[in-house]
């Protein structure tokens, strides 16, 4: 994954304009969005690794460099995601539920239900009047997440990014009764030994995953507009089966990975507006972008 291209226009010119950043350290992907007062300036997404602090530093540097910016130009920065506490240069941390809602609402003001399908968790968010009304999460089992399809793709020797399109060529989706990723893997191998076409197996897997996600999200009552985000939003097969269960088309952002970081940057702008100019300058002076790790480097060498 890399940075996404945005039309900066004349947002950064001779006149000083404020810049705000959001960084979302998710279980599978780490994202950064930098916004000006008029819109998005730059964004980057990279796979999450074990050392969140070092990764946060690297991804922020990459995003700044891609936009010809320096860290000192960022006026306020909000961290989110399950690794948000490991961003030492953030001004504050906000929950991923709130940030996803704010990012999606900025892109789709009419949203009422957000379905976020990540690599290690899935969540449903009920939105009303631009606020989180209710939410539900699955972060205990791979069967309702992108990890489910990743395990199966590895088993079949296929690329994860290809299986969604392949599943659309199915004429008769295979029945996949197992909801556990491990048992589903065994069932897939059994179906292959029975001569079931690969496309039908993949369609059955996507349908099974969509059924599980749908069952979870219905607990908060699905209402349109529905917006699908996360890596799952890039999977055409999964989106197809989810839309069939929902009963109407869902919306998807052009870059579904970055909605959490986008929401964090929007909140950063609001918090900066509530902060006095002197306090804002003090925060910026106290903030440093330096490589950090969970471990003391000197102890490593001993």
Foldseek 3Di string as FASTA:
>chain_A
DWKDDDDCDPLDDPDQWAKFKEWAQAPFKIKMWIATPVGTQIMTIDTHDDWNLQVLLVRVVRGCVVNVHDLLRHLAYEYEYPCRVSHQQHPYYDYLLLQLLQLVCVVPVFAQWEWEAAQQKIKIFGDDPSGTPDMFMDRPARLQHLVLLVLLCVLVVHDSLPLLVLLVPDPAADAQDDSHSVVSSVVLVVCVVVVNDPSNPSLNSLLSNLVVSVVRNCVVPDDPQYEYAYPLVSRNSNQVNNCVVVVHHYHYDPHRHCSSRSSRRVVRVVVSVVDDPVVSVVSSVVGDSDRDGPDDPVVVVD
